[in-house]
């Protein structure tokens, strides 16, 4: 675990994190609830028909560019996914 993972008071880019999540969309998050999971919405299901595995592979390929993906939860009916990274800093980079 690197220095960035241990520093819960700052995000990957050195911005100070807050005690509570804020609505100003600054993206720094809260140091009380470190999140490694990203919400991905408005997924295009049409080209994949009923091939859930293929869509999951595409999501993995794109989001793996930012770090090690631990899990992808795909909710086909709602066209959304949750991508969980191994480290918080990877999720911050992908965000």
C-alpha atoms as a PDB file:
ATOM      1  CA  UNK A   1       0.000   0.000   0.000  1.00  0.00           C
ATOM      2  CA  UNK A   2       1.493   3.293  -1.085  1.00  0.00           C
ATOM      3  CA  UNK A   3       1.609   6.691   0.529  1.00  0.00           C
ATOM      4  CA  UNK A   4      -1.512   7.811  -1.339  1.00  0.00           C
ATOM      5  CA  UNK A   5      -3.570   4.964   0.093  1.00  0.00           C
ATOM      6  CA  UNK A   6      -2.564   5.849   3.645  1.00  0.00           C
ATOM      7  CA  UNK A   7      -3.338   9.565   3.272  1.00  0.00           C
ATOM      8  CA  UNK A   8      -7.071   9.635   3.936  1.00  0.00           C
ATOM      9  CA  UNK A   9      -7.102  13.428   4.376  1.00  0.00           C
ATOM     10  CA  UNK A  10      -6.292  14.121   0.708  1.00  0.00           C
ATOM     11  CA  UNK A  11      -7.375  12.719  -2.623  1.00  0.00           C
ATOM     12  CA  UNK A  12      -5.070  11.478  -5.362  1.00  0.00           C
ATOM     13  CA  UNK A  13      -4.461  15.014  -6.606  1.00  0.00           C
ATOM     14  CA  UNK A  14      -3.651  16.454  -3.177  1.00  0.00           C
ATOM     15  CA  UNK A  15      -7.027  18.129  -2.637  1.00  0.00           C
ATOM     16  CA  UNK A  16      -8.237  18.126   0.956  1.00  0.00           C
ATOM     17  CA  UNK A  17     -11.073  15.703   1.658  1.00  0.00           C
ATOM     18  CA  UNK A  18     -13.972  16.583   3.960  1.00  0.00           C
ATOM     19  CA  UNK A  19     -15.702  14.935   6.928  1.00  0.00           C
ATOM     20  CA  UNK A  20     -18.964  14.634   4.974  1.00  0.00           C
ATOM     21  CA  UNK A  21     -19.778  14.277   1.287  1.00  0.00           C
ATOM     22  CA  UNK A  22     -20.572  17.583  -0.357  1.00  0.00           C
ATOM     23  CA  UNK A  23     -22.935  18.449  -3.192  1.00  0.00           C
ATOM     24  CA  UNK A  24     -20.527  20.831  -4.930  1.00  0.00           C
ATOM     25  CA  UNK A  25     -19.299  18.021  -7.218  1.00  0.00           C
ATOM     26  CA  UNK A  26     -15.676  18.718  -6.314  1.00  0.00           C
ATOM     27  CA  UNK A  27     -15.006  14.988  -6.474  1.00  0.00           C
ATOM     28  CA  UNK A  28     -12.813  14.800  -3.384  1.00  0.00           C
ATOM     29  CA  UNK A  29     -15.196  12.684  -1.303  1.00  0.00           C
ATOM     30  CA  UNK A  30     -15.245  12.115   2.426  1.00  0.00           C
ATOM     31  CA  UNK A  31     -12.454  10.787   4.604  1.00  0.00           C
ATOM     32  CA  UNK A  32     -15.090   9.146   6.831  1.00  0.00           C
ATOM     33  CA  UNK A  33     -16.366   6.930   4.014  1.00  0.00           C
ATOM     34  CA  UNK A  34     -13.545   6.013   1.634  1.00  0.00           C
ATOM     35  CA  UNK A  35     -15.165   4.644  -1.486  1.00  0.00           C
ATOM     36  CA  UNK A  36     -13.512   2.399  -4.045  1.00  0.00           C
ATOM     37  CA  UNK A  37     -16.700   1.938  -6.080  1.00  0.00           C
ATOM     38  CA  UNK A  38     -17.873   3.947  -9.083  1.00  0.00           C
ATOM     39  CA  UNK A  39     -21.408   4.122 -10.453  1.00  0.00           C
ATOM     40  CA  UNK A  40     -21.619   3.802 -14.239  1.00  0.00           C
ATOM     41  CA  UNK A  41     -24.943   4.725 -15.814  1.00  0.00           C
ATOM     42  CA  UNK A  42     -26.568   4.957 -19.251  1.00  0.00           C
ATOM     43  CA  UNK A  43     -24.884   1.835 -20.586  1.00  0.00           C
ATOM     44  CA  UNK A  44     -25.748   0.935 -24.168  1.00  0.00           C
ATOM     45  CA  UNK A  45     -27.121  -2.607 -24.104  1.00  0.00           C
ATOM     46  CA  UNK A  46     -28.274  -2.790 -27.716  1.00  0.00           C
ATOM     47  CA  UNK A  47     -25.010  -3.891 -29.374  1.00  0.00           C
ATOM     48  CA  UNK A  48     -24.636  -6.688 -26.830  1.00  0.00           C
ATOM     49  CA  UNK A  49     -28.201  -8.062 -26.999  1.00  0.00           C
ATOM     50  CA  UNK A  50     -28.324 -10.688 -24.238  1.00  0.00           C
ATOM     51  CA  UNK A  51     -24.566 -11.049 -23.921  1.00  0.00           C
ATOM     52  CA  UNK A  52     -24.036  -9.809 -20.367  1.00  0.00           C
ATOM     53  CA  UNK A  53     -20.522 -11.241 -20.252  1.00  0.00           C
ATOM     54  CA  UNK A  54     -19.415  -9.314 -23.318  1.00  0.00           C
ATOM     55  CA  UNK A  55     -20.648  -5.987 -21.912  1.00  0.00           C
ATOM     56  CA  UNK A  56     -18.937  -6.749 -18.610  1.00  0.00           C
ATOM     57  CA  UNK A  57     -15.687  -7.427 -20.498  1.00  0.00           C
ATOM     58  CA  UNK A  58     -15.950  -4.073 -22.288  1.00  0.00           C
ATOM     59  CA  UNK A  59     -16.511  -2.259 -18.972  1.00  0.00           C
ATOM     60  CA  UNK A  60     -13.547  -4.098 -17.469  1.00  0.00           C
ATOM     61  CA  UNK A  61     -11.313  -3.235 -20.413  1.00  0.00           C
ATOM     62  CA  UNK A  62     -12.139   0.482 -20.204  1.00  0.00           C
ATOM     63  CA  UNK A  63     -11.978   0.881 -16.429  1.00  0.00           C
ATOM     64  CA  UNK A  64      -8.872  -1.300 -15.984  1.00  0.00           C
ATOM     65  CA  UNK A  65      -6.887   1.504 -17.601  1.00  0.00           C
ATOM     66  CA  UNK A  66      -7.093   3.365 -14.273  1.00  0.00           C
ATOM     67  CA  UNK A  67      -6.098   0.524 -11.963  1.00  0.00           C
ATOM     68  CA  UNK A  68      -6.895  -2.976 -10.784  1.00  0.00           C
ATOM     69  CA  UNK A  69     -10.631  -3.670 -10.950  1.00  0.00           C
ATOM     70  CA  UNK A  70     -11.746  -5.930  -8.121  1.00  0.00           C
ATOM     71  CA  UNK A  71     -15.368  -6.473  -9.117  1.00  0.00           C
ATOM     72  CA  UNK A  72     -17.988  -5.342 -11.637  1.00  0.00           C
ATOM     73  CA  UNK A  73     -21.651  -5.602 -10.696  1.00  0.00           C
ATOM     74  CA  UNK A  74     -23.751  -5.254 -13.823  1.00  0.00           C
ATOM     75  CA  UNK A  75     -27.481  -4.596 -13.452  1.00  0.00           C
ATOM     76  CA  UNK A  76     -28.681  -5.352 -16.959  1.00  0.00           C
ATOM     77  CA  UNK A  77     -32.325  -4.337 -16.497  1.00  0.00           C
ATOM     78  CA  UNK A  78     -31.363  -0.799 -15.418  1.00  0.00           C
ATOM     79  CA  UNK A  79     -28.389  -0.376 -17.782  1.00  0.00           C
ATOM     80  CA  UNK A  80     -26.034   0.424 -14.899  1.00  0.00           C
ATOM     81  CA  UNK A  81     -22.906  -1.035 -13.354  1.00  0.00           C
ATOM     82  CA  UNK A  82     -20.812  -0.609 -10.225  1.00  0.00           C
ATOM     83  CA  UNK A  83     -17.056  -0.871 -10.700  1.00  0.00           C
ATOM     84  CA  UNK A  84     -15.049  -1.597  -7.553  1.00  0.00           C
ATOM     85  CA  UNK A  85     -11.312  -0.938  -7.552  1.00  0.00           C
ATOM     86  CA  UNK A  86      -8.716  -2.516  -5.300  1.00  0.00           C
ATOM     87  CA  UNK A  87      -7.492   0.917  -4.145  1.00  0.00           C
ATOM     88  CA  UNK A  88      -9.303   4.202  -3.484  1.00  0.00           C
ATOM     89  CA  UNK A  89      -6.768   6.146  -5.548  1.00  0.00           C
ATOM     90  CA  UNK A  90      -7.597   4.094  -8.646  1.00  0.00           C
ATOM     91  CA  UNK A  91     -11.289   4.949  -8.255  1.00  0.00           C
ATOM     92  CA  UNK A  92     -10.400   8.627  -7.823  1.00  0.00           C
ATOM     93  CA  UNK A  93      -8.324   8.532 -11.003  1.00  0.00           C
ATOM     94  CA  UNK A  94     -11.121   6.875 -12.974  1.00  0.00           C
ATOM     95  CA  UNK A  95     -13.695   9.322 -11.684  1.00  0.00           C
END
